[in-house]
Amino acid sequence: MSQTQNKLRILIVDDSVCMRNVLRTLMKSADYDVVGDLADGTKLLPVIDKVSPHIICLDYNLPGTDGLSLLKEVHSTYPNIAVIMITGSENPELEVLAVEAGSSGFIRKPFSQEQILTVLKKVEHAQRLLLFAEKKQNSFEEKPCRATAVIADDSLTLRKLLKTILSHMGIEVVGEAYDGKQAAELVALHKPDIVCLDFEMPVMNGLDALKIIRSQNAAIKVVMVTAMASRELFIRATKEGANGYIIKPFHPDKITENISQVLAS
């Protein structure tokens, strides 16, 4: 397999020539394969068919249409493509609308190089593991159900990966949430054995959701998921009743180990 074939393919959609050039240069320097860039979304789906990207970086403000409508269309037609929405809009509700529509990442302009690469690395890691699972049919083979779970993360791609890993463990995911408020509601509805809560989510963060979940049910196991290995966060979460932690980017073996320990405790 060639070096190019090992790279994840990225398609850029932004009406600013300057922004497209910045993103292309940045992503190439980080060793991604930029397979195209578009100034509007009118030809997005035919281009997707042609270049088969793994990730799309999609601007919200586009001529003729908006990124949110395109996100919904891409998610409906190509559910395995991860879409990262990039916007200069200050609308506070836009992030919620994007995660509801199936985004795997959300970045506001102006962004730093570190910020966009951090989001890309998380999505890339999850996409690679999901691609591996698709090629190796037995790698994430589902086992008989031994527990139920609710998972909460504002990234669709990371939810997919977590669900795949849990299914391999014999844990049935009975609810998926993209914010903390929705997670608390799903836990109250389904009463799962375990909950996986991301720290950073729109509407309500994972820590506030943990407080609500704990006030309603002391027996449910709660595992916090975070990219920030902060001692302060761990102390706060433990004080509120967290039973365990998963650090992003997560590996299937590590998640299996952590979840098994929490369920057995």
C-alpha atoms as a PDB file:
ATOM      1  CA  MET A   1       0.000   0.000   0.000  1.00  0.00           C
ATOM      2  CA  SER A   2       1.378   3.416  -0.960  1.00  0.00           C
ATOM      3  CA  GLN A   3       1.950   6.247   1.487  1.00  0.00           C
ATOM      4  CA  THR A   4      -0.902   8.226  -0.140  1.00  0.00           C
ATOM      5  CA  GLN A   5      -3.315   5.328   0.356  1.00  0.00           C
ATOM      6  CA  ASN A   6      -2.503   5.379   4.080  1.00  0.00           C
ATOM      7  CA  LYS A   7      -3.530   9.015   4.400  1.00  0.00           C
ATOM      8  CA  LEU A   8      -7.070  10.061   5.223  1.00  0.00           C
ATOM      9  CA  ARG A   9      -8.707  12.015   2.410  1.00  0.00           C
ATOM     10  CA  ILE A  10     -10.103  15.455   3.213  1.00  0.00           C
ATOM     11  CA  LEU A  11     -12.427  17.657   1.155  1.00  0.00           C
ATOM     12  CA  ILE A  12     -12.606  21.397   1.952  1.00  0.00           C
ATOM     13  CA  VAL A  13     -15.758  23.464   1.304  1.00  0.00           C
ATOM     14  CA  ASP A  14     -15.431  27.211   1.954  1.00  0.00           C
ATOM     15  CA  ASP A  15     -16.339  30.259  -0.122  1.00  0.00           C
ATOM     16  CA  SER A  16     -13.158  32.107   0.907  1.00  0.00           C
ATOM     17  CA  VAL A  17     -10.140  31.465  -1.330  1.00  0.00           C
ATOM     18  CA  CYS A  18      -7.878  32.584   1.494  1.00  0.00           C
ATOM     19  CA  MET A  19      -9.476  30.157   3.977  1.00  0.00           C
ATOM     20  CA  ARG A  20      -9.320  27.266   1.508  1.00  0.00           C
ATOM     21  CA  ASN A  21      -5.624  27.943   0.944  1.00  0.00           C
ATOM     22  CA  VAL A  22      -4.941  28.172   4.679  1.00  0.00           C
ATOM     23  CA  LEU A  23      -6.774  24.911   5.382  1.00  0.00           C
ATOM     24  CA  ARG A  24      -5.152  23.112   2.452  1.00  0.00           C
ATOM     25  CA  THR A  25      -1.633  24.192   3.508  1.00  0.00           C
ATOM     26  CA  LEU A  26      -2.269  23.317   7.142  1.00  0.00           C
ATOM     27  CA  MET A  27      -3.709  19.900   6.380  1.00  0.00           C
ATOM     28  CA  LYS A  28      -1.013  18.978   3.895  1.00  0.00           C
ATOM     29  CA  SER A  29       1.650  19.950   6.425  1.00  0.00           C
ATOM     30  CA  ALA A  30      -0.066  17.594   8.897  1.00  0.00           C
ATOM     31  CA  ASP A  31       0.172  14.800   6.278  1.00  0.00           C
ATOM     32  CA  TYR A  32      -3.484  14.650   5.226  1.00  0.00           C
ATOM     33  CA  ASP A  33      -4.444  14.044   1.603  1.00  0.00           C
ATOM     34  CA  VAL A  34      -6.512  17.051   0.503  1.00  0.00           C
ATOM     35  CA  VAL A  35      -8.472  15.621  -2.421  1.00  0.00           C
ATOM     36  CA  GLY A  36     -10.302  18.813  -3.377  1.00  0.00           C
ATOM     37  CA  ASP A  37     -11.728  22.157  -2.362  1.00  0.00           C
ATOM     38  CA  LEU A  38     -14.999  23.815  -3.314  1.00  0.00           C
ATOM     39  CA  ALA A  39     -16.180  27.421  -3.130  1.00  0.00           C
ATOM     40  CA  ASP A  40     -19.846  26.433  -2.699  1.00  0.00           C
ATOM     41  CA  GLY A  41     -21.928  23.381  -2.012  1.00  0.00           C
ATOM     42  CA  THR A  42     -23.849  23.074  -5.265  1.00  0.00           C
ATOM     43  CA  LYS A  43     -21.624  20.269  -6.583  1.00  0.00           C
ATOM     44  CA  LEU A  44     -20.703  18.727  -3.247  1.00  0.00           C
ATOM     45  CA  LEU A  45     -22.419  15.362  -3.636  1.00  0.00           C
ATOM     46  CA  PRO A  46     -21.041  14.632  -7.154  1.00  0.00           C
ATOM     47  CA  VAL A  47     -17.560  15.566  -5.930  1.00  0.00           C
ATOM     48  CA  ILE A  48     -17.958  13.241  -2.931  1.00  0.00           C
ATOM     49  CA  ASP A  49     -18.804  10.424  -5.352  1.00  0.00           C
ATOM     50  CA  LYS A  50     -15.676  11.219  -7.333  1.00  0.00           C
ATOM     51  CA  VAL A  51     -13.033  11.686  -4.597  1.00  0.00           C
ATOM     52  CA  SER A  52     -14.502   9.608  -1.705  1.00  0.00           C
ATOM     53  CA  PRO A  53     -13.312  11.722   1.237  1.00  0.00           C
ATOM     54  CA  HIS A  54     -13.105  10.375   4.771  1.00  0.00           C
ATOM     55  CA  ILE A  55     -13.552  13.847   6.288  1.00  0.00           C
ATOM     56  CA  ILE A  56     -15.218  17.035   5.004  1.00  0.00           C
ATOM     57  CA  CYS A  57     -14.375  20.450   6.435  1.00  0.00           C
ATOM     58  CA  LEU A  58     -17.576  22.381   5.757  1.00  0.00           C
ATOM     59  CA  ASP A  59     -18.135  26.121   6.093  1.00  0.00           C
ATOM     60  CA  TYR A  60     -21.556  27.237   7.336  1.00  0.00           C
ATOM     61  CA  ASN A  61     -21.944  30.455   5.296  1.00  0.00           C
ATOM     62  CA  LEU A  62     -21.925  29.390   1.659  1.00  0.00           C
ATOM     63  CA  PRO A  63     -23.443  31.018  -1.449  1.00  0.00           C
ATOM     64  CA  GLY A  64     -26.691  29.456  -2.632  1.00  0.00           C
ATOM     65  CA  THR A  65     -27.124  27.207   0.383  1.00  0.00           C
ATOM     66  CA  ASP A  66     -25.937  26.843   3.955  1.00  0.00           C
ATOM     67  CA  GLY A  67     -23.569  24.366   5.526  1.00  0.00           C
ATOM     68  CA  LEU A  68     -26.185  23.042   7.906  1.00  0.00           C
ATOM     69  CA  SER A  69     -28.445  21.880   5.062  1.00  0.00           C
ATOM     70  CA  LEU A  70     -25.439  20.322   3.335  1.00  0.00           C
ATOM     71  CA  LEU A  71     -24.409  18.601   6.569  1.00  0.00           C
ATOM     72  CA  LYS A  72     -27.828  16.967   6.848  1.00  0.00           C
ATOM     73  CA  GLU A  73     -27.675  15.876   3.208  1.00  0.00           C
ATOM     74  CA  VAL A  74     -24.173  14.429   3.547  1.00  0.00           C
ATOM     75  CA  HIS A  75     -25.056  12.626   6.783  1.00  0.00           C
ATOM     76  CA  SER A  76     -28.172  11.138   5.162  1.00  0.00           C
ATOM     77  CA  THR A  77     -26.445  10.059   1.946  1.00  0.00           C
ATOM     78  CA  TYR A  78     -22.937   9.222   3.219  1.00  0.00           C
ATOM     79  CA  PRO A  79     -23.275   8.300   6.924  1.00  0.00           C
ATOM     80  CA  ASN A  80     -19.663   7.081   7.157  1.00  0.00           C
ATOM     81  CA  ILE A  81     -18.140  10.431   6.189  1.00  0.00           C
ATOM     82  CA  ALA A  82     -17.158  12.640   9.138  1.00  0.00           C
ATOM     83  CA  VAL A  83     -18.116  16.310   8.748  1.00  0.00           C
ATOM     84  CA  ILE A  84     -16.365  19.065  10.678  1.00  0.00           C
ATOM     85  CA  MET A  85     -18.320  22.312  10.554  1.00  0.00           C
ATOM     86  CA  ILE A  86     -16.273  25.517  10.471  1.00  0.00           C
ATOM     87  CA  THR A  87     -18.008  28.863  10.879  1.00  0.00           C
ATOM     88  CA  GLY A  88     -17.458  32.542  11.535  1.00  0.00           C
ATOM     89  CA  SER A  89     -21.037  32.881  12.784  1.00  0.00           C
ATOM     90  CA  GLU A  90     -21.477  33.993  16.391  1.00  0.00           C
ATOM     91  CA  ASN A  91     -24.903  32.345  16.634  1.00  0.00           C
ATOM     92  CA  PRO A  92     -24.686  30.386  19.922  1.00  0.00           C
ATOM     93  CA  GLU A  93     -27.339  27.914  18.757  1.00  0.00           C
ATOM     94  CA  LEU A  94     -25.435  26.866  15.644  1.00  0.00           C
ATOM     95  CA  GLU A  95     -23.219  24.332  17.435  1.00  0.00           C
ATOM     96  CA  VAL A  96     -26.284  22.578  18.856  1.00  0.00           C
ATOM     97  CA  LEU A  97     -27.933  22.509  15.437  1.00  0.00           C
ATOM     98  CA  ALA A  98     -24.730  21.100  13.908  1.00  0.00           C
ATOM     99  CA  VAL A  99     -24.392  18.246  16.414  1.00  0.00           C
ATOM    100  CA  GLU A 100     -28.101  17.476  16.029  1.00  0.00           C
ATOM    101  CA  ALA A 101     -27.555  17.220  12.268  1.00  0.00           C
ATOM    102  CA  GLY A 102     -24.639  14.803  12.687  1.00  0.00           C
ATOM    103  CA  SER A 103     -21.407  16.803  12.816  1.00  0.00           C
ATOM    104  CA  SER A 104     -18.242  15.162  14.118  1.00  0.00           C
ATOM    105  CA  GLY A 105     -16.565  18.422  15.056  1.00  0.00           C
ATOM    106  CA  PHE A 106     -17.354  22.133  15.345  1.00  0.00           C
ATOM    107  CA  ILE A 107     -14.851  24.996  15.024  1.00  0.00           C
ATOM    108  CA  ARG A 108     -15.455  28.742  15.122  1.00  0.00           C
ATOM    109  CA  LYS A 109     -13.362  31.205  13.117  1.00  0.00           C
ATOM    110  CA  PRO A 110     -10.831  32.593  13.757  1.00  0.00           C
ATOM    111  CA  PHE A 111      -9.204  29.359  14.856  1.00  0.00           C
ATOM    112  CA  SER A 112      -5.657  28.494  15.818  1.00  0.00           C
ATOM    113  CA  GLN A 113      -3.602  25.847  14.049  1.00  0.00           C
ATOM    114  CA  GLU A 114      -3.554  23.802  17.259  1.00  0.00           C
ATOM    115  CA  GLN A 115      -7.341  23.983  17.604  1.00  0.00           C
ATOM    116  CA  ILE A 116      -8.184  22.619  14.172  1.00  0.00           C
ATOM    117  CA  LEU A 117      -5.467  19.945  14.257  1.00  0.00           C
ATOM    118  CA  THR A 118      -6.694  18.747  17.658  1.00  0.00           C
ATOM    119  CA  VAL A 119     -10.211  18.275  16.287  1.00  0.00           C
ATOM    120  CA  LEU A 120      -8.891  16.617  13.128  1.00  0.00           C
ATOM    121  CA  LYS A 121      -6.722  14.179  15.097  1.00  0.00           C
ATOM    122  CA  LYS A 122      -9.683  13.055  17.235  1.00  0.00           C
ATOM    123  CA  VAL A 123     -11.871  12.494  14.181  1.00  0.00           C
ATOM    124  CA  GLU A 124      -9.027  10.837  12.244  1.00  0.00           C
ATOM    125  CA  HIS A 125      -8.353   8.382  15.089  1.00  0.00           C
ATOM    126  CA  ALA A 126     -11.997   7.347  15.265  1.00  0.00           C
ATOM    127  CA  GLN A 127     -12.352   7.104  11.482  1.00  0.00           C
ATOM    128  CA  ARG A 128      -9.301   4.854  11.171  1.00  0.00           C
ATOM    129  CA  LEU A 129     -10.595   2.449  13.828  1.00  0.00           C
ATOM    130  CA  LEU A 130     -14.034   2.364  12.220  1.00  0.00           C
ATOM    131  CA  LEU A 131     -12.478   1.680   8.812  1.00  0.00           C
ATOM    132  CA  PHE A 132     -10.448  -1.133  10.380  1.00  0.00           C
ATOM    133  CA  ALA A 133     -13.607  -2.589  11.914  1.00  0.00           C
ATOM    134  CA  GLU A 134     -15.342  -2.543   8.523  1.00  0.00           C
ATOM    135  CA  LYS A 135     -12.473  -4.385   6.809  1.00  0.00           C
ATOM    136  CA  LYS A 136     -11.906  -6.934   9.582  1.00  0.00           C
ATOM    137  CA  GLN A 137     -15.331  -8.419  10.179  1.00  0.00           C
ATOM    138  CA  ASN A 138     -14.367 -10.285  13.354  1.00  0.00           C
ATOM    139  CA  SER A 139     -12.401  -7.466  14.995  1.00  0.00           C
ATOM    140  CA  PHE A 140     -15.429  -5.820  16.592  1.00  0.00           C
ATOM    141  CA  GLU A 141     -17.795  -8.764  16.401  1.00  0.00           C
ATOM    142  CA  GLU A 142     -20.801  -8.273  18.684  1.00  0.00           C
ATOM    143  CA  LYS A 143     -21.226 -10.565  21.681  1.00  0.00           C
ATOM    144  CA  PRO A 144     -24.384 -11.543  23.626  1.00  0.00           C
ATOM    145  CA  CYS A 145     -25.764  -8.625  25.632  1.00  0.00           C
ATOM    146  CA  ARG A 146     -24.585  -8.497  29.239  1.00  0.00           C
ATOM    147  CA  ALA A 147     -25.333  -4.839  30.025  1.00  0.00           C
ATOM    148  CA  THR A 148     -26.972  -1.703  28.629  1.00  0.00           C
ATOM    149  CA  ALA A 149     -25.499   1.748  28.114  1.00  0.00           C
ATOM    150  CA  VAL A 150     -26.243   5.341  27.192  1.00  0.00           C
ATOM    151  CA  ILE A 151     -23.409   7.229  25.468  1.00  0.00           C
ATOM    152  CA  ALA A 152     -23.067  11.003  25.172  1.00  0.00           C
ATOM    153  CA  ASP A 153     -20.614  12.847  22.927  1.00  0.00           C
ATOM    154  CA  ASP A 154     -21.095  15.803  20.599  1.00  0.00           C
ATOM    155  CA  SER A 155     -19.102  14.050  17.847  1.00  0.00           C
ATOM    156  CA  LEU A 156     -21.075  11.583  15.731  1.00  0.00           C
ATOM    157  CA  THR A 157     -17.904   9.758  14.692  1.00  0.00           C
ATOM    158  CA  LEU A 158     -16.758   9.266  18.293  1.00  0.00           C
ATOM    159  CA  ARG A 159     -20.237   8.028  19.271  1.00  0.00           C
ATOM    160  CA  LYS A 160     -20.099   5.508  16.427  1.00  0.00           C
ATOM    161  CA  LEU A 161     -16.704   4.250  17.559  1.00  0.00           C
ATOM    162  CA  LEU A 162     -17.723   3.997  21.205  1.00  0.00           C
ATOM    163  CA  LYS A 163     -20.929   2.175  20.269  1.00  0.00           C
ATOM    164  CA  THR A 164     -18.973  -0.286  18.117  1.00  0.00           C
ATOM    165  CA  ILE A 165     -16.534  -1.035  20.936  1.00  0.00           C
ATOM    166  CA  LEU A 166     -19.285  -1.459  23.525  1.00  0.00           C
ATOM    167  CA  SER A 167     -21.222  -3.777  21.193  1.00  0.00           C
ATOM    168  CA  HIS A 168     -18.075  -5.894  20.879  1.00  0.00           C
ATOM    169  CA  MET A 169     -18.079  -6.170  24.684  1.00  0.00           C
ATOM    170  CA  GLY A 170     -21.687  -7.317  24.742  1.00  0.00           C
ATOM    171  CA  ILE A 171     -23.019  -3.971  25.938  1.00  0.00           C
ATOM    172  CA  GLU A 172     -26.162  -2.779  24.157  1.00  0.00           C
ATOM    173  CA  VAL A 173     -26.285   0.967  23.551  1.00  0.00           C
ATOM    174  CA  VAL A 174     -29.906   1.883  24.248  1.00  0.00           C
ATOM    175  CA  GLY A 175     -29.485   5.641  23.814  1.00  0.00           C
ATOM    176  CA  GLU A 176     -27.138   8.139  22.124  1.00  0.00           C
ATOM    177  CA  ALA A 177     -26.954  11.794  23.191  1.00  0.00           C
ATOM    178  CA  TYR A 178     -25.121  14.775  21.719  1.00  0.00           C
ATOM    179  CA  ASP A 179     -25.460  17.005  24.802  1.00  0.00           C
ATOM    180  CA  GLY A 180     -25.640  16.576  28.559  1.00  0.00           C
ATOM    181  CA  LYS A 181     -29.311  17.493  28.898  1.00  0.00           C
ATOM    182  CA  GLN A 182     -30.329  14.854  26.379  1.00  0.00           C
ATOM    183  CA  ALA A 183     -28.056  12.334  28.135  1.00  0.00           C
ATOM    184  CA  ALA A 184     -29.757  12.878  31.491  1.00  0.00           C
ATOM    185  CA  GLU A 185     -33.171  12.470  29.845  1.00  0.00           C
ATOM    186  CA  LEU A 186     -32.144   9.217  28.103  1.00  0.00           C
ATOM    187  CA  VAL A 187     -30.730   7.810  31.330  1.00  0.00           C
ATOM    188  CA  ALA A 188     -33.991   8.575  33.151  1.00  0.00           C
ATOM    189  CA  LEU A 189     -35.927   6.894  30.333  1.00  0.00           C
ATOM    190  CA  HIS A 190     -33.818   3.755  29.779  1.00  0.00           C
ATOM    191  CA  LYS A 191     -32.179   3.269  33.209  1.00  0.00           C
ATOM    192  CA  PRO A 192     -29.028   1.697  31.710  1.00  0.00           C
ATOM    193  CA  ASP A 193     -26.344  -0.160  33.637  1.00  0.00           C
ATOM    194  CA  ILE A 194     -23.658   2.307  32.559  1.00  0.00           C
ATOM    195  CA  VAL A 195     -23.364   5.814  31.094  1.00  0.00           C
ATOM    196  CA  CYS A 196     -20.412   7.210  29.112  1.00  0.00           C
ATOM    197  CA  LEU A 197     -20.409  11.021  29.384  1.00  0.00           C
ATOM    198  CA  ASP A 198     -18.170  13.383  27.463  1.00  0.00           C
ATOM    199  CA  PHE A 199     -17.001  16.342  29.543  1.00  0.00           C
ATOM    200  CA  GLU A 200     -17.355  18.994  26.832  1.00  0.00           C
ATOM    201  CA  MET A 201     -20.782  19.155  25.168  1.00  0.00           C
ATOM    202  CA  PRO A 202     -23.148  21.980  24.156  1.00  0.00           C
ATOM    203  CA  VAL A 203     -26.328  22.869  26.095  1.00  0.00           C
ATOM    204  CA  MET A 204     -25.120  21.044  29.227  1.00  0.00           C
ATOM    205  CA  ASN A 205     -21.656  19.663  29.918  1.00  0.00           C
ATOM    206  CA  GLY A 206     -20.958  16.172  31.183  1.00  0.00           C
ATOM    207  CA  LEU A 207     -20.254  17.234  34.757  1.00  0.00           C
ATOM    208  CA  ASP A 208     -23.636  18.940  35.139  1.00  0.00           C
ATOM    209  CA  ALA A 209     -25.316  15.935  33.525  1.00  0.00           C
ATOM    210  CA  LEU A 210     -23.502  13.680  36.010  1.00  0.00           C
ATOM    211  CA  LYS A 211     -24.966  15.662  38.914  1.00  0.00           C
ATOM    212  CA  ILE A 212     -28.508  15.193  37.566  1.00  0.00           C
ATOM    213  CA  ILE A 213     -27.991  11.499  36.858  1.00  0.00           C
ATOM    214  CA  ARG A 214     -26.567  10.909  40.324  1.00  0.00           C
ATOM    215  CA  SER A 215     -29.469  12.744  41.983  1.00  0.00           C
ATOM    216  CA  GLN A 216     -31.924  10.447  40.199  1.00  0.00           C
ATOM    217  CA  ASN A 217     -30.111   7.118  40.417  1.00  0.00           C
ATOM    218  CA  ALA A 218     -27.144   6.317  42.655  1.00  0.00           C
ATOM    219  CA  ALA A 219     -26.678   2.795  41.277  1.00  0.00           C
ATOM    220  CA  ILE A 220     -25.920   3.580  37.611  1.00  0.00           C
ATOM    221  CA  LYS A 221     -22.232   3.392  36.736  1.00  0.00           C
ATOM    222  CA  VAL A 222     -20.921   6.597  35.127  1.00  0.00           C
ATOM    223  CA  VAL A 223     -17.711   6.828  33.093  1.00  0.00           C
ATOM    224  CA  MET A 224     -16.471  10.288  32.088  1.00  0.00           C
ATOM    225  CA  VAL A 225     -14.882  10.699  28.650  1.00  0.00           C
ATOM    226  CA  THR A 226     -12.404  13.542  28.157  1.00  0.00           C
ATOM    227  CA  ALA A 227      -9.502  14.788  26.073  1.00  0.00           C
ATOM    228  CA  MET A 228      -8.307  16.840  29.049  1.00  0.00           C
ATOM    229  CA  ALA A 229      -6.393  14.649  31.506  1.00  0.00           C
ATOM    230  CA  SER A 230      -6.770  17.264  34.218  1.00  0.00           C
ATOM    231  CA  ARG A 231      -6.354  16.273  37.870  1.00  0.00           C
ATOM    232  CA  GLU A 232      -8.811  19.024  38.832  1.00  0.00           C
ATOM    233  CA  LEU A 233     -11.491  17.629  36.500  1.00  0.00           C
ATOM    234  CA  PHE A 234     -10.979  14.119  37.812  1.00  0.00           C
ATOM    235  CA  ILE A 235     -11.323  15.316  41.410  1.00  0.00           C
ATOM    236  CA  ARG A 236     -14.509  17.250  40.608  1.00  0.00           C
ATOM    237  CA  ALA A 237     -16.035  14.339  38.682  1.00  0.00           C
ATOM    238  CA  THR A 238     -15.132  11.811  41.366  1.00  0.00           C
ATOM    239  CA  LYS A 239     -16.685  14.067  43.992  1.00  0.00           C
ATOM    240  CA  GLU A 240     -19.909  14.122  41.939  1.00  0.00           C
ATOM    241  CA  GLY A 241     -19.949  10.324  41.663  1.00  0.00           C
ATOM    242  CA  ALA A 242     -17.990   9.307  38.543  1.00  0.00           C
ATOM    243  CA  ASN A 243     -16.933   5.654  38.596  1.00  0.00           C
ATOM    244  CA  GLY A 244     -14.237   5.782  35.917  1.00  0.00           C
ATOM    245  CA  TYR A 245     -12.579   7.720  33.101  1.00  0.00           C
ATOM    246  CA  ILE A 246     -11.755   7.287  29.409  1.00  0.00           C
ATOM    247  CA  ILE A 247      -9.100   9.541  27.874  1.00  0.00           C
ATOM    248  CA  LYS A 248      -9.391  10.601  24.207  1.00  0.00           C
ATOM    249  CA  PRO A 249      -8.194   9.523  21.751  1.00  0.00           C
ATOM    250  CA  PHE A 250      -9.361   6.183  23.086  1.00  0.00           C
ATOM    251  CA  HIS A 251      -8.256   2.704  22.066  1.00  0.00           C
ATOM    252  CA  PRO A 252     -10.655  -0.271  22.019  1.00  0.00           C
ATOM    253  CA  ASP A 253      -8.534  -2.351  24.407  1.00  0.00           C
ATOM    254  CA  LYS A 254      -8.305   0.463  26.953  1.00  0.00           C
ATOM    255  CA  ILE A 255     -12.037   1.146  26.831  1.00  0.00           C
ATOM    256  CA  THR A 256     -12.779  -2.570  27.218  1.00  0.00           C
ATOM    257  CA  GLU A 257     -10.504  -2.733  30.246  1.00  0.00           C
ATOM    258  CA  ASN A 258     -11.920   0.401  31.904  1.00  0.00           C
ATOM    259  CA  ILE A 259     -15.573  -0.412  31.274  1.00  0.00           C
ATOM    260  CA  SER A 260     -15.138  -4.009  32.472  1.00  0.00           C
ATOM    261  CA  GLN A 261     -13.558  -2.780  35.703  1.00  0.00           C
ATOM    262  CA  VAL A 262     -16.357  -0.285  36.311  1.00  0.00           C
ATOM    263  CA  LEU A 263     -19.112  -2.857  35.686  1.00  0.00           C
ATOM    264  CA  ALA A 264     -17.414  -5.339  37.999  1.00  0.00           C
ATOM    265  CA  SER A 265     -16.961  -2.854  40.859  1.00  0.00           C
END
